[in-house]
C-alpha atoms as a PDB file:
ATOM      1  CA  MET A   1     228.242  14.798  77.591  1.00  0.00           C
ATOM      2  CA  ASN A   2     226.110  18.118  78.066  1.00  0.00           C
ATOM      3  CA  ALA A   3     228.242  21.139  78.752  1.00  0.00           C
ATOM      4  CA  SER A   4     225.529  22.161  81.856  1.00  0.00           C
ATOM      5  CA  ALA A   5     226.513  18.961  83.056  1.00  0.00           C
ATOM      6  CA  LYS A   6     230.604  19.868  83.116  1.00  0.00           C
ATOM      7  CA  ASP A   7     230.504  22.731  85.337  1.00  0.00           C
ATOM      8  CA  GLY A   8     227.472  24.286  85.129  1.00  0.00           C
ATOM      9  CA  ARG A   9     227.444  26.387  82.078  1.00  0.00           C
ATOM     10  CA  LYS A  10     225.515  26.157  79.092  1.00  0.00           C
ATOM     11  CA  CYS A  11     226.465  25.719  75.048  1.00  0.00           C
ATOM     12  CA  LEU A  12     223.496  26.414  72.754  1.00  0.00           C
ATOM     13  CA  GLU A  13     221.484  23.393  71.723  1.00  0.00           C
ATOM     14  CA  TRP A  14     218.804  22.723  69.726  1.00  0.00           C
ATOM     15  CA  ALA A  15     216.421  21.394  72.184  1.00  0.00           C
ATOM     16  CA  ASP A  16     216.489  25.365  73.720  1.00  0.00           C
ATOM     17  CA  PHE A  17     214.633  25.884  70.384  1.00  0.00           C
ATOM     18  CA  PRO A  18     210.716  26.015  69.975  1.00  0.00           C
ATOM     19  CA  GLU A  19     209.736  23.275  67.973  1.00  0.00           C
ATOM     20  CA  GLY A  20     210.194  23.410  63.900  1.00  0.00           C
ATOM     21  CA  PHE A  21     212.663  26.304  64.253  1.00  0.00           C
ATOM     22  CA  THR A  22     214.864  26.717  60.633  1.00  0.00           C
ATOM     23  CA  PRO A  23     218.420  26.295  61.673  1.00  0.00           C
ATOM     24  CA  PHE A  24     220.681  28.903  60.286  1.00  0.00           C
ATOM     25  CA  PHE A  25     222.173  28.970  57.042  1.00  0.00           C
ATOM     26  CA  LEU A  26     226.041  28.723  57.322  1.00  0.00           C
ATOM     27  CA  ASP A  27     226.951  26.391  54.439  1.00  0.00           C
ATOM     28  CA  PRO A  28     229.952  27.667  53.523  1.00  0.00           C
ATOM     29  CA  THR A  29     230.159  25.234  49.921  1.00  0.00           C
ATOM     30  CA  GLY A  30     230.550  27.555  47.168  1.00  0.00           C
ATOM     31  CA  VAL A  31     231.334  30.011  48.733  1.00  0.00           C
ATOM     32  CA  GLN A  32     233.875  33.249  47.762  1.00  0.00           C
ATOM     33  CA  LEU A  33     235.034  35.983  50.223  1.00  0.00           C
ATOM     34  CA  ASP A  34     235.696  39.158  48.444  1.00  0.00           C
ATOM     35  CA  THR A  35     238.404  41.638  49.253  1.00  0.00           C
ATOM     36  CA  LYS A  36     236.846  44.997  50.105  1.00  0.00           C
ATOM     37  CA  GLU A  37     239.145  47.967  51.098  1.00  0.00           C
ATOM     38  CA  LEU A  38     237.117  50.309  53.364  1.00  0.00           C
ATOM     39  CA  SER A  39     240.354  52.892  54.103  1.00  0.00           C
ATOM     40  CA  PRO A  40     243.765  52.493  54.093  1.00  0.00           C
ATOM     41  CA  GLY A  41     245.072  48.781  55.686  1.00  0.00           C
ATOM     42  CA  VAL A  42     241.156  48.493  56.628  1.00  0.00           C
ATOM     43  CA  TYR A  43     239.785  45.031  54.766  1.00  0.00           C
ATOM     44  CA  ALA A  44     236.138  43.805  54.970  1.00  0.00           C
ATOM     45  CA  LEU A  45     236.346  40.006  53.544  1.00  0.00           C
ATOM     46  CA  LEU A  46     232.215  39.292  52.271  1.00  0.00           C
ATOM     47  CA  SER A  47     230.818  36.826  51.719  1.00  0.00           C
ATOM     48  CA  SER A  48     229.346  35.478  48.054  1.00  0.00           C
ATOM     49  CA  VAL A  49     226.445  33.834  49.775  1.00  0.00           C
ATOM     50  CA  PRO A  50     224.079  35.504  52.058  1.00  0.00           C
ATOM     51  CA  ASN A  51     223.706  34.635  55.925  1.00  0.00           C
ATOM     52  CA  VAL A  52     227.102  32.799  55.710  1.00  0.00           C
ATOM     53  CA  ASP A  53     229.863  34.484  57.414  1.00  0.00           C
ATOM     54  CA  ASN A  54     231.618  37.455  57.293  1.00  0.00           C
ATOM     55  CA  ALA A  55     235.353  38.700  57.998  1.00  0.00           C
ATOM     56  CA  GLY A  56     237.945  40.580  57.461  1.00  0.00           C
ATOM     57  CA  PHE A  57     241.843  42.172  58.555  1.00  0.00           C
ATOM     58  CA  ILE A  58     243.605  44.660  59.200  1.00  0.00           C
ATOM     59  CA  VAL A  59     247.039  45.336  58.391  1.00  0.00           C
ATOM     60  CA  GLY A  60     249.440  48.031  59.917  1.00  0.00           C
ATOM     61  CA  ASP A  61     253.050  48.386  59.309  1.00  0.00           C
ATOM     62  CA  ARG A  62     254.194  45.431  61.408  1.00  0.00           C
ATOM     63  CA  ASP A  63     251.380  43.304  61.727  1.00  0.00           C
ATOM     64  CA  VAL A  64     247.880  41.756  60.377  1.00  0.00           C
ATOM     65  CA  LEU A  65     244.655  41.179  62.456  1.00  0.00           C
ATOM     66  CA  VAL A  66     242.615  39.075  61.340  1.00  0.00           C
ATOM     67  CA  VAL A  67     238.555  39.084  62.521  1.00  0.00           C
ATOM     68  CA  ASP A  68     236.945  35.765  62.916  1.00  0.00           C
ATOM     69  CA  ALA A  69     238.033  32.062  60.941  1.00  0.00           C
ATOM     70  CA  HIS A  70     234.921  31.227  59.663  1.00  0.00           C
ATOM     71  CA  ILE A  71     233.506  27.479  60.134  1.00  0.00           C
ATOM     72  CA  ASN A  72     236.492  25.458  58.899  1.00  0.00           C
ATOM     73  CA  PRO A  73     239.980  24.694  57.472  1.00  0.00           C
ATOM     74  CA  ALA A  74     239.113  25.206  54.018  1.00  0.00           C
ATOM     75  CA  MET A  75     237.476  28.942  54.972  1.00  0.00           C
ATOM     76  CA  ALA A  76     240.175  29.499  57.308  1.00  0.00           C
ATOM     77  CA  ARG A  77     242.901  28.858  54.625  1.00  0.00           C
ATOM     78  CA  GLN A  78     240.762  31.057  52.276  1.00  0.00           C
ATOM     79  CA  ILE A  79     240.917  34.043  54.740  1.00  0.00           C
ATOM     80  CA  GLN A  80     244.597  33.615  54.706  1.00  0.00           C
ATOM     81  CA  GLU A  81     244.788  33.695  50.733  1.00  0.00           C
ATOM     82  CA  ARG A  82     242.976  36.924  50.862  1.00  0.00           C
ATOM     83  CA  VAL A  83     245.830  38.313  53.366  1.00  0.00           C
ATOM     84  CA  ARG A  84     248.451  37.104  50.983  1.00  0.00           C
ATOM     85  CA  GLU A  85     246.973  38.936  48.140  1.00  0.00           C
ATOM     86  CA  VAL A  86     247.457  42.080  49.983  1.00  0.00           C
ATOM     87  CA  THR A  87     250.671  41.790  52.434  1.00  0.00           C
ATOM     88  CA  ASP A  88     253.025  39.310  53.353  1.00  0.00           C
ATOM     89  CA  LYS A  89     253.411  40.747  56.734  1.00  0.00           C
ATOM     90  CA  PRO A  90     252.470  38.240  59.557  1.00  0.00           C
ATOM     91  CA  MET A  91     249.173  37.496  60.220  1.00  0.00           C
ATOM     92  CA  ARG A  92     250.087  37.893  64.628  1.00  0.00           C
ATOM     93  CA  TYR A  93     246.636  37.803  65.594  1.00  0.00           C
ATOM     94  CA  LEU A  94     243.124  36.320  64.720  1.00  0.00           C
ATOM     95  CA  VAL A  95     240.011  37.745  66.941  1.00  0.00           C
ATOM     96  CA  ASN A  96     236.956  35.850  67.054  1.00  0.00           C
ATOM     97  CA  SER A  97     233.861  37.503  67.752  1.00  0.00           C
ATOM     98  CA  ASN A  98     231.775  34.851  70.035  1.00  0.00           C
ATOM     99  CA  TYR A  99     232.363  30.944  70.593  1.00  0.00           C
ATOM    100  CA  HIS A 100     230.049  29.205  68.041  1.00  0.00           C
ATOM    101  CA  GLY A 101     232.110  27.353  65.435  1.00  0.00           C
ATOM    102  CA  ASP A 102     231.018  29.423  62.169  1.00  0.00           C
ATOM    103  CA  HIS A 103     233.729  31.615  63.558  1.00  0.00           C
ATOM    104  CA  THR A 104     236.076  29.884  65.887  1.00  0.00           C
ATOM    105  CA  PHE A 105     236.156  26.392  63.544  1.00  0.00           C
ATOM    106  CA  GLY A 106     238.656  27.774  61.672  1.00  0.00           C
ATOM    107  CA  ASN A 107     241.103  28.552  64.419  1.00  0.00           C
ATOM    108  CA  CYS A 108     242.997  25.340  64.131  1.00  0.00           C
ATOM    109  CA  ALA A 109     244.179  25.994  60.197  1.00  0.00           C
ATOM    110  CA  PHE A 110     245.940  29.523  60.771  1.00  0.00           C
ATOM    111  CA  PRO A 111     249.583  29.474  62.247  1.00  0.00           C
ATOM    112  CA  ALA A 112     250.593  28.136  65.303  1.00  0.00           C
ATOM    113  CA  GLU A 113     252.588  32.333  65.919  1.00  0.00           C
ATOM    114  CA  THR A 114     248.984  33.631  65.131  1.00  0.00           C
ATOM    115  CA  LEU A 115     247.298  34.989  68.670  1.00  0.00           C
ATOM    116  CA  ILE A 116     243.937  33.696  69.080  1.00  0.00           C
ATOM    117  CA  ILE A 117     242.268  36.527  71.314  1.00  0.00           C
ATOM    118  CA  GLN A 118     238.765  35.748  72.621  1.00  0.00           C
ATOM    119  CA  HIS A 119     236.673  37.701  75.613  1.00  0.00           C
ATOM    120  CA  ARG A 120     236.611  35.638  78.633  1.00  0.00           C
ATOM    121  CA  MET A 121     232.797  34.289  78.070  1.00  0.00           C
ATOM    122  CA  THR A 122     233.976  32.897  74.866  1.00  0.00           C
ATOM    123  CA  ALA A 123     236.677  31.347  76.235  1.00  0.00           C
ATOM    124  CA  ALA A 124     235.116  29.367  78.203  1.00  0.00           C
ATOM    125  CA  LEU A 125     232.237  28.133  76.238  1.00  0.00           C
ATOM    126  CA  VAL A 126     234.645  27.215  72.943  1.00  0.00           C
ATOM    127  CA  PRO A 127     236.128  24.189  74.518  1.00  0.00           C
ATOM    128  CA  TYR A 128     232.848  22.312  74.351  1.00  0.00           C
ATOM    129  CA  HIS A 129     233.668  21.489  70.889  1.00  0.00           C
ATOM    130  CA  GLU A 130     232.245  18.366  70.834  1.00  0.00           C
ATOM    131  CA  GLU A 131     228.236  20.119  71.394  1.00  0.00           C
ATOM    132  CA  GLU A 132     229.206  22.932  69.551  1.00  0.00           C
ATOM    133  CA  ARG A 133     229.651  20.715  66.213  1.00  0.00           C
ATOM    134  CA  ARG A 134     226.807  18.770  66.749  1.00  0.00           C
ATOM    135  CA  PHE A 135     225.002  22.233  67.181  1.00  0.00           C
ATOM    136  CA  MET A 136     226.510  23.473  63.676  1.00  0.00           C
ATOM    137  CA  LEU A 137     225.643  20.090  62.099  1.00  0.00           C
ATOM    138  CA  PRO A 138     222.030  21.420  60.723  1.00  0.00           C
ATOM    139  CA  CYS A 139     223.424  24.703  60.030  1.00  0.00           C
ATOM    140  CA  VAL A 140     225.278  22.685  56.745  1.00  0.00           C
ATOM    141  CA  GLY A 141     223.069  20.323  55.395  1.00  0.00           C
ATOM    142  CA  ASN A 142     223.816  17.855  58.176  1.00  0.00           C
ATOM    143  CA  ASP A 143     227.017  17.015  55.740  1.00  0.00           C
ATOM    144  CA  PRO A 144     229.689  15.867  58.477  1.00  0.00           C
ATOM    145  CA  LYS A 145     232.578  16.105  55.550  1.00  0.00           C
ATOM    146  CA  ILE A 146     232.364  20.064  55.784  1.00  0.00           C
ATOM    147  CA  LEU A 147     233.245  20.131  59.791  1.00  0.00           C
ATOM    148  CA  GLU A 148     236.166  16.645  59.478  1.00  0.00           C
ATOM    149  CA  GLU A 149     239.059  18.727  59.484  1.00  0.00           C
ATOM    150  CA  VAL A 150     237.964  20.607  62.240  1.00  0.00           C
ATOM    151  CA  GLU A 151     239.975  20.598  65.571  1.00  0.00           C
ATOM    152  CA  LEU A 152     239.701  22.231  68.796  1.00  0.00           C
ATOM    153  CA  ARG A 153     241.787  25.418  69.309  1.00  0.00           C
ATOM    154  CA  ARG A 154     242.140  27.380  72.616  1.00  0.00           C
ATOM    155  CA  PRO A 155     242.612  31.484  72.577  1.00  0.00           C
ATOM    156  CA  ASP A 156     245.795  32.339  73.423  1.00  0.00           C
ATOM    157  CA  VAL A 157     244.898  35.659  74.665  1.00  0.00           C
ATOM    158  CA  VAL A 158     241.883  36.537  77.010  1.00  0.00           C
ATOM    159  CA  PHE A 159     240.615  39.778  77.740  1.00  0.00           C
ATOM    160  CA  ASP A 160     237.812  41.211  79.448  1.00  0.00           C
ATOM    161  CA  ASP A 161     235.758  44.638  78.618  1.00  0.00           C
ATOM    162  CA  PHE A 162     238.377  46.270  76.424  1.00  0.00           C
ATOM    163  CA  MET A 163     242.123  45.642  75.030  1.00  0.00           C
ATOM    164  CA  GLN A 164     244.479  47.383  73.044  1.00  0.00           C
ATOM    165  CA  ILE A 165     246.534  46.025  69.819  1.00  0.00           C
ATOM    166  CA  ASP A 166     248.871  48.188  67.777  1.00  0.00           C
ATOM    167  CA  LEU A 167     249.630  46.944  64.590  1.00  0.00           C
ATOM    168  CA  GLY A 168     252.760  49.599  63.757  1.00  0.00           C
ATOM    169  CA  GLY A 169     251.099  52.534  62.753  1.00  0.00           C
ATOM    170  CA  MET A 170     247.113  50.933  62.950  1.00  0.00           C
ATOM    171  CA  VAL A 171     245.473  50.870  66.672  1.00  0.00           C
ATOM    172  CA  VAL A 172     242.974  48.378  66.874  1.00  0.00           C
ATOM    173  CA  GLU A 173     239.997  48.130  69.899  1.00  0.00           C
ATOM    174  CA  LEU A 174     238.281  45.230  71.333  1.00  0.00           C
ATOM    175  CA  HIS A 175     235.461  46.156  73.188  1.00  0.00           C
ATOM    176  CA  TYR A 176     232.688  43.618  75.410  1.00  0.00           C
ATOM    177  CA  PHE A 177     229.524  45.769  76.236  1.00  0.00           C
ATOM    178  CA  GLY A 178     227.784  42.796  77.382  1.00  0.00           C
ATOM    179  CA  PRO A 179     225.683  39.854  76.699  1.00  0.00           C
ATOM    180  CA  ALA A 180     223.954  40.124  73.371  1.00  0.00           C
ATOM    181  CA  ASN A 181     223.488  37.413  70.958  1.00  0.00           C
ATOM    182  CA  THR A 182     225.987  35.393  72.550  1.00  0.00           C
ATOM    183  CA  PRO A 183     227.713  35.859  76.548  1.00  0.00           C
ATOM    184  CA  GLY A 184     230.631  36.622  74.571  1.00  0.00           C
ATOM    185  CA  ASP A 185     230.383  39.356  71.773  1.00  0.00           C
ATOM    186  CA  THR A 186     233.272  40.835  70.560  1.00  0.00           C
ATOM    187  CA  ILE A 187     233.407  44.255  68.547  1.00  0.00           C
ATOM    188  CA  THR A 188     236.878  44.871  66.811  1.00  0.00           C
ATOM    189  CA  TYR A 189     237.052  48.674  66.113  1.00  0.00           C
ATOM    190  CA  VAL A 190     239.259  50.587  64.174  1.00  0.00           C
ATOM    191  CA  PRO A 191     239.190  54.042  65.372  1.00  0.00           C
ATOM    192  CA  GLU A 192     240.965  55.799  62.748  1.00  0.00           C
ATOM    193  CA  ALA A 193     238.567  54.033  59.968  1.00  0.00           C
ATOM    194  CA  LYS A 194     235.228  54.310  62.073  1.00  0.00           C
ATOM    195  CA  VAL A 195     234.928  50.476  60.848  1.00  0.00           C
ATOM    196  CA  ALA A 196     233.412  47.978  63.804  1.00  0.00           C
ATOM    197  CA  TRP A 197     233.527  43.995  63.014  1.00  0.00           C
ATOM    198  CA  THR A 198     230.298  43.138  64.948  1.00  0.00           C
ATOM    199  CA  GLY A 199     230.245  39.538  65.096  1.00  0.00           C
ATOM    200  CA  ASN A 200     226.384  38.424  65.579  1.00  0.00           C
ATOM    201  CA  MET A 201     225.335  41.109  67.742  1.00  0.00           C
ATOM    202  CA  THR A 202     224.333  43.235  64.705  1.00  0.00           C
ATOM    203  CA  GLY A 203     222.605  41.973  61.751  1.00  0.00           C
ATOM    204  CA  GLY A 204     220.263  43.007  58.773  1.00  0.00           C
ATOM    205  CA  ASN A 205     216.952  44.531  59.607  1.00  0.00           C
ATOM    206  CA  LEU A 206     216.643  42.561  62.625  1.00  0.00           C
ATOM    207  CA  ILE A 207     218.435  41.076  65.377  1.00  0.00           C
ATOM    208  CA  VAL A 208     217.773  38.101  67.862  1.00  0.00           C
ATOM    209  CA  PRO A 209     218.684  37.526  71.843  1.00  0.00           C
ATOM    210  CA  LEU A 210     219.895  33.867  70.803  1.00  0.00           C
ATOM    211  CA  GLU A 211     221.576  33.512  74.221  1.00  0.00           C
ATOM    212  CA  SER A 212     220.269  36.084  76.193  1.00  0.00           C
ATOM    213  CA  ASP A 213     216.920  38.378  76.377  1.00  0.00           C
ATOM    214  CA  ALA A 214     216.071  41.268  74.569  1.00  0.00           C
ATOM    215  CA  PRO A 215     216.128  44.140  77.494  1.00  0.00           C
ATOM    216  CA  THR A 216     219.805  42.878  77.935  1.00  0.00           C
ATOM    217  CA  TYR A 217     220.461  42.906  74.420  1.00  0.00           C
ATOM    218  CA  MET A 218     219.151  46.343  74.106  1.00  0.00           C
ATOM    219  CA  ASN A 219     221.627  47.902  76.908  1.00  0.00           C
ATOM    220  CA  SER A 220     224.278  46.284  75.664  1.00  0.00           C
ATOM    221  CA  ILE A 221     223.644  47.391  71.913  1.00  0.00           C
ATOM    222  CA  ALA A 222     222.838  50.941  73.768  1.00  0.00           C
ATOM    223  CA  ARG A 223     226.449  51.087  75.356  1.00  0.00           C
ATOM    224  CA  LEU A 224     228.302  49.732  71.661  1.00  0.00           C
ATOM    225  CA  ALA A 225     226.061  53.301  70.567  1.00  0.00           C
ATOM    226  CA  GLN A 226     227.256  55.459  73.176  1.00  0.00           C
ATOM    227  CA  ALA A 227     230.627  54.106  73.452  1.00  0.00           C
ATOM    228  CA  LEU A 228     232.158  54.275  69.737  1.00  0.00           C
ATOM    229  CA  GLU A 229     232.061  56.505  66.843  1.00  0.00           C
ATOM    230  CA  VAL A 230     231.279  54.324  63.784  1.00  0.00           C
ATOM    231  CA  GLU A 231     230.282  54.975  60.244  1.00  0.00           C
ATOM    232  CA  THR A 232     230.653  51.140  58.573  1.00  0.00           C
ATOM    233  CA  LEU A 233     229.163  47.856  60.594  1.00  0.00           C
ATOM    234  CA  ILE A 234     230.307  44.232  59.056  1.00  0.00           C
ATOM    235  CA  PRO A 235     227.773  42.285  60.860  1.00  0.00           C
ATOM    236  CA  ALA A 236     228.626  38.603  60.302  1.00  0.00           C
ATOM    237  CA  HIS A 237     225.922  37.200  58.385  1.00  0.00           C
ATOM    238  CA  ASN A 238     224.661  40.443  56.499  1.00  0.00           C
ATOM    239  CA  PRO A 239     225.454  43.129  54.340  1.00  0.00           C
ATOM    240  CA  MET A 240     227.744  46.017  55.687  1.00  0.00           C
ATOM    241  CA  SER A 241     225.826  49.050  57.349  1.00  0.00           C
ATOM    242  CA  GLY A 242     225.953  52.565  58.805  1.00  0.00           C
ATOM    243  CA  PRO A 243     224.946  53.172  62.306  1.00  0.00           C
ATOM    244  CA  GLU A 244     221.518  54.176  61.453  1.00  0.00           C
ATOM    245  CA  LEU A 245     220.665  49.974  62.266  1.00  0.00           C
ATOM    246  CA  LEU A 246     221.377  50.700  65.962  1.00  0.00           C
ATOM    247  CA  GLY A 247     218.388  52.693  66.416  1.00  0.00           C
ATOM    248  CA  GLY A 248     215.875  50.156  64.974  1.00  0.00           C
ATOM    249  CA  TYR A 249     217.665  47.544  66.852  1.00  0.00           C
ATOM    250  CA  MET A 250     217.003  49.045  69.977  1.00  0.00           C
ATOM    251  CA  GLN A 251     213.190  50.128  69.297  1.00  0.00           C
ATOM    252  CA  TYR A 252     212.461  46.531  68.290  1.00  0.00           C
ATOM    253  CA  LEU A 253     214.145  44.968  71.470  1.00  0.00           C
ATOM    254  CA  SER A 254     212.189  47.785  73.526  1.00  0.00           C
ATOM    255  CA  ASP A 255     209.006  46.802  71.697  1.00  0.00           C
ATOM    256  CA  VAL A 256     209.841  42.588  72.532  1.00  0.00           C
ATOM    257  CA  THR A 257     210.661  43.461  76.053  1.00  0.00           C
ATOM    258  CA  GLN A 258     207.301  45.241  76.607  1.00  0.00           C
ATOM    259  CA  ALA A 259     205.080  43.096  74.869  1.00  0.00           C
ATOM    260  CA  VAL A 260     206.508  40.921  76.985  1.00  0.00           C
ATOM    261  CA  ARG A 261     206.212  42.350  80.227  1.00  0.00           C
ATOM    262  CA  GLY A 262     202.387  43.271  79.661  1.00  0.00           C
ATOM    263  CA  ALA A 263     201.873  39.545  78.396  1.00  0.00           C
ATOM    264  CA  HIS A 264     203.817  37.991  81.787  1.00  0.00           C
ATOM    265  CA  SER A 265     201.550  40.286  84.149  1.00  0.00           C
ATOM    266  CA  ALA A 266     198.553  39.699  82.238  1.00  0.00           C
ATOM    267  CA  GLY A 267     199.091  36.011  83.421  1.00  0.00           C
ATOM    268  CA  TRP A 268     199.429  34.463  79.636  1.00  0.00           C
ATOM    269  CA  THR A 269     201.065  31.711  79.158  1.00  0.00           C
ATOM    270  CA  LEU A 270     204.470  31.143  77.332  1.00  0.00           C
ATOM    271  CA  THR A 271     202.803  29.701  74.325  1.00  0.00           C
ATOM    272  CA  GLU A 272     200.219  31.898  74.365  1.00  0.00           C
ATOM    273  CA  ALA A 273     203.048  34.880  74.471  1.00  0.00           C
ATOM    274  CA  MET A 274     204.850  33.466  71.485  1.00  0.00           C
ATOM    275  CA  GLU A 275     202.065  33.305  69.198  1.00  0.00           C
ATOM    276  CA  ARG A 276     200.137  36.244  69.995  1.00  0.00           C
ATOM    277  CA  ILE A 277     203.154  39.145  70.253  1.00  0.00           C
ATOM    278  CA  THR A 278     204.412  37.233  67.344  1.00  0.00           C
ATOM    279  CA  LEU A 279     201.796  38.087  65.252  1.00  0.00           C
ATOM    280  CA  ASP A 280     202.043  41.868  66.560  1.00  0.00           C
ATOM    281  CA  LEU A 281     205.812  41.707  65.403  1.00  0.00           C
ATOM    282  CA  ASP A 282     205.676  40.368  62.084  1.00  0.00           C
ATOM    283  CA  ARG A 283     203.621  43.676  60.813  1.00  0.00           C
ATOM    284  CA  PRO A 284     205.911  45.953  61.377  1.00  0.00           C
ATOM    285  CA  TYR A 285     209.115  43.835  61.524  1.00  0.00           C
ATOM    286  CA  ALA A 286     208.284  41.575  58.228  1.00  0.00           C
ATOM    287  CA  PRO A 287     211.036  41.610  55.528  1.00  0.00           C
ATOM    288  CA  PRO A 288     209.887  41.917  51.657  1.00  0.00           C
ATOM    289  CA  ALA A 289     207.541  39.116  50.567  1.00  0.00           C
ATOM    290  CA  ASP A 290     210.274  37.663  48.250  1.00  0.00           C
ATOM    291  CA  HIS A 291     212.736  37.525  50.739  1.00  0.00           C
ATOM    292  CA  PRO A 292     214.515  33.882  50.297  1.00  0.00           C
ATOM    293  CA  ARG A 293     213.914  32.645  54.074  1.00  0.00           C
ATOM    294  CA  PHE A 294     210.554  34.996  55.077  1.00  0.00           C
ATOM    295  CA  ASP A 295     208.832  32.444  57.447  1.00  0.00           C
ATOM    296  CA  PHE A 296     212.489  32.518  58.979  1.00  0.00           C
ATOM    297  CA  PHE A 297     211.703  35.727  60.425  1.00  0.00           C
ATOM    298  CA  GLY A 298     208.319  34.604  62.105  1.00  0.00           C
ATOM    299  CA  ASP A 299     210.728  32.259  63.946  1.00  0.00           C
ATOM    300  CA  LEU A 300     213.071  34.578  65.126  1.00  0.00           C
ATOM    301  CA  HIS A 301     210.404  36.747  66.840  1.00  0.00           C
ATOM    302  CA  SER A 302     209.013  33.370  68.630  1.00  0.00           C
ATOM    303  CA  TYR A 303     212.151  32.695  69.822  1.00  0.00           C
ATOM    304  CA  ALA A 304     213.330  36.424  71.199  1.00  0.00           C
ATOM    305  CA  VAL A 305     209.541  36.222  72.814  1.00  0.00           C
ATOM    306  CA  MET A 306     210.628  32.456  74.366  1.00  0.00           C
ATOM    307  CA  LYS A 307     213.887  33.688  76.038  1.00  0.00           C
ATOM    308  CA  THR A 308     212.169  37.152  77.256  1.00  0.00           C
ATOM    309  CA  TYR A 309     209.575  35.632  78.449  1.00  0.00           C
ATOM    310  CA  GLN A 310     211.562  33.398  80.269  1.00  0.00           C
ATOM    311  CA  SER A 311     214.026  35.438  81.540  1.00  0.00           C
ATOM    312  CA  LEU A 312     210.775  37.593  83.376  1.00  0.00           C
ATOM    313  CA  ALA A 313     209.684  34.553  84.766  1.00  0.00           C
ATOM    314  CA  GLY A 314     212.875  33.476  86.560  1.00  0.00           C
END
């Protein structure tokens, strides 16, 4: 049963994408998570394979907080192994950046005493487990074995706009700045270290309004930039970066917004807008020609135009 047929909510499905869209690459096979200490007690877990999820953890005097559970129990166990190489303190908290399986499917492999924390919009969509499993399958090469151990584990704690957690001498903040890539994008921020895990809300040189639209995403990024003093951004699917990328994101989303508004006012059809604006966006926002997923960027431009056009058209 489609999620929208249950209670009006809507999980992302492949039918929502333009025909021929390249699936995201999230296959964890052979992935190693490398531990990088960013500040005393603050650790990034960086994937050895591009685009496959990063994670992280923060260690206080009393407790540990983990950021994201990865795509299956095997990867979740690897996260716990990396934590145990640093500390034997209890993993008291686990924050999911959004509802998608590559962030939440590993929840079931954490100890029962670990409290799962999600934004309210994330918590509302996580129960659509079978729909999300179907969505994840093409992203792991249609290999069902990668997901066979996954079981639904719901959150223990749900928050709205802000939550503060004291790990003992180390404070962690959870922020929600509005929908961006997903309805419930959660930022995990360590003020002392000026480090933020951003999930899918930030990326490399390009971001995509997967479940919103360009102006909505732009406003959420602007709120993040205004609210937090950040020196290090840790996205889910790209290398770490500094905050200078935020301005580029807002410029890109502004360019998409203005182009689509102009196209809609001129009476272009959705198909015309996707084709013509995507070509314009390919020029200034193209990756290097030798990028391993060069064609995928065109898919992202087209999708961003589609979502923004649909929003403007009501």
